[in-house]
Protein backbone atom coordinates (compact mmCIF):
# COMPACT_ATOMS: atom_id res chain seq x y z
CA UNK A 1 0.00 0.00 0.00
CA UNK A 2 2.74 2.45 0.87
CA UNK A 3 4.56 1.60 -2.35
CA UNK A 4 1.44 2.40 -4.35
CA UNK A 5 1.09 5.74 -2.57
CA UNK A 6 4.69 6.60 -3.40
CA UNK A 7 4.16 5.62 -7.05
CA UNK A 8 1.01 7.74 -7.21
CA UNK A 9 2.93 10.63 -5.72
CA UNK A 10 5.64 10.40 -8.34
CA UNK A 11 3.03 10.46 -11.13
CA UNK A 12 1.11 13.33 -9.54
CA UNK A 13 4.13 15.38 -8.55
CA UNK A 14 2.90 15.52 -4.94
CA UNK A 15 2.63 12.86 -2.29
CA UNK A 16 -1.01 11.89 -1.53
CA UNK A 17 -2.01 12.19 2.11
CA UNK A 18 -3.02 9.01 3.91
CA UNK A 19 -5.49 9.97 6.62
CA UNK A 20 -5.39 6.63 8.40
CA UNK A 21 -5.90 2.90 8.59
CA UNK A 22 -9.24 1.25 9.33
CA UNK A 23 -8.77 -2.09 11.07
CA UNK A 24 -11.37 -4.68 10.08
CA UNK A 25 -12.10 -8.24 11.23
CA UNK A 26 -10.91 -7.22 14.70
CA UNK A 27 -10.93 -9.70 17.54
CA UNK A 28 -9.63 -8.92 21.02
CA UNK A 29 -6.81 -11.37 21.63
CA UNK A 30 -3.05 -11.39 22.20
CA UNK A 31 -2.21 -11.71 18.50
CA UNK A 32 -4.41 -8.76 17.60
CA UNK A 33 -2.87 -6.63 20.34
CA UNK A 34 0.65 -7.47 19.13
CA UNK A 35 -0.36 -6.66 15.55
CA UNK A 36 -1.88 -3.36 16.66
CA UNK A 37 1.38 -2.30 18.29
CA UNK A 38 3.26 -2.98 15.05
CA UNK A 39 0.62 -1.32 12.85
CA UNK A 40 0.60 1.76 15.05
CA UNK A 41 4.38 2.02 14.78
CA UNK A 42 4.27 1.68 10.99
CA UNK A 43 1.56 4.30 10.55
CA UNK A 44 3.13 6.71 13.06
CA UNK A 45 6.40 6.49 11.08
CA UNK A 46 4.41 7.47 7.98
CA UNK A 47 2.85 10.43 9.82
CA UNK A 48 -0.53 8.74 9.73
CA UNK A 49 -2.66 6.92 12.26
CA UNK A 50 -4.84 3.96 13.07
CA UNK A 51 -8.46 5.01 13.39
CA UNK A 52 -9.91 4.56 16.88
CA UNK A 53 -12.88 2.64 15.49
CA UNK A 54 -12.18 -1.02 14.79
CA UNK A 55 -14.58 -3.20 12.82
CA UNK A 56 -15.18 -6.39 14.79
CA UNK A 57 -15.19 -9.85 13.27
CA UNK A 58 -18.89 -10.56 12.69
CA UNK A 59 -19.73 -13.58 10.54
CA UNK A 60 -23.45 -12.80 10.72
CA UNK A 61 -23.04 -9.65 8.63
CA UNK A 62 -21.67 -11.67 5.72
CA UNK A 63 -24.81 -13.81 5.72
CA UNK A 64 -27.19 -10.87 5.97
CA UNK A 65 -29.31 -10.02 2.94
CA UNK A 66 -30.79 -6.70 4.01
CA UNK A 67 -30.57 -3.86 6.50
CA UNK A 68 -29.27 -5.05 9.83
CA UNK A 69 -28.09 -3.73 13.19
CA UNK A 70 -25.21 -6.16 13.75
CA UNK A 71 -22.22 -4.85 15.69
CA UNK A 72 -20.04 -4.67 12.58
CA UNK A 73 -22.61 -2.51 10.79
CA UNK A 74 -22.71 -0.15 13.75
CA UNK A 75 -18.92 -0.05 13.80
CA UNK A 76 -18.79 0.81 10.09
CA UNK A 77 -21.20 3.68 10.72
CA UNK A 78 -18.98 4.88 13.57
CA UNK A 79 -15.90 4.56 11.34
CA UNK A 80 -17.58 6.63 8.65
CA UNK A 81 -18.19 9.44 11.13
CA UNK A 82 -14.58 9.24 12.32
CA UNK A 83 -13.19 9.43 8.77
CA UNK A 84 -15.48 12.34 7.93
CA UNK A 85 -14.28 14.22 11.01
CA UNK A 86 -10.71 14.05 9.69
CA UNK A 87 -11.74 15.05 6.17
CA UNK A 88 -13.90 17.92 7.40
CA UNK A 89 -11.14 19.24 9.67
CA UNK A 90 -8.78 19.92 6.71
């Protein structure tokens, strides 16, 4: 992903701004916590961030055929508001 951003920047003549990383399929466990530490380090080094909202692993959403109120759907709505707050603040 970072390589693609750099390539885009060279074509555009200006580096695109990455506002952040949305973590999906999140499960609270030791592996996820270790991965989050590493991801945070990577994105901080790129002057970016990990969004506070994490989309939880929710197999029921993949089976859903219509509007639903599953926890992943609610998290996506929350993530949308978070992303918009960063876009609107620029």
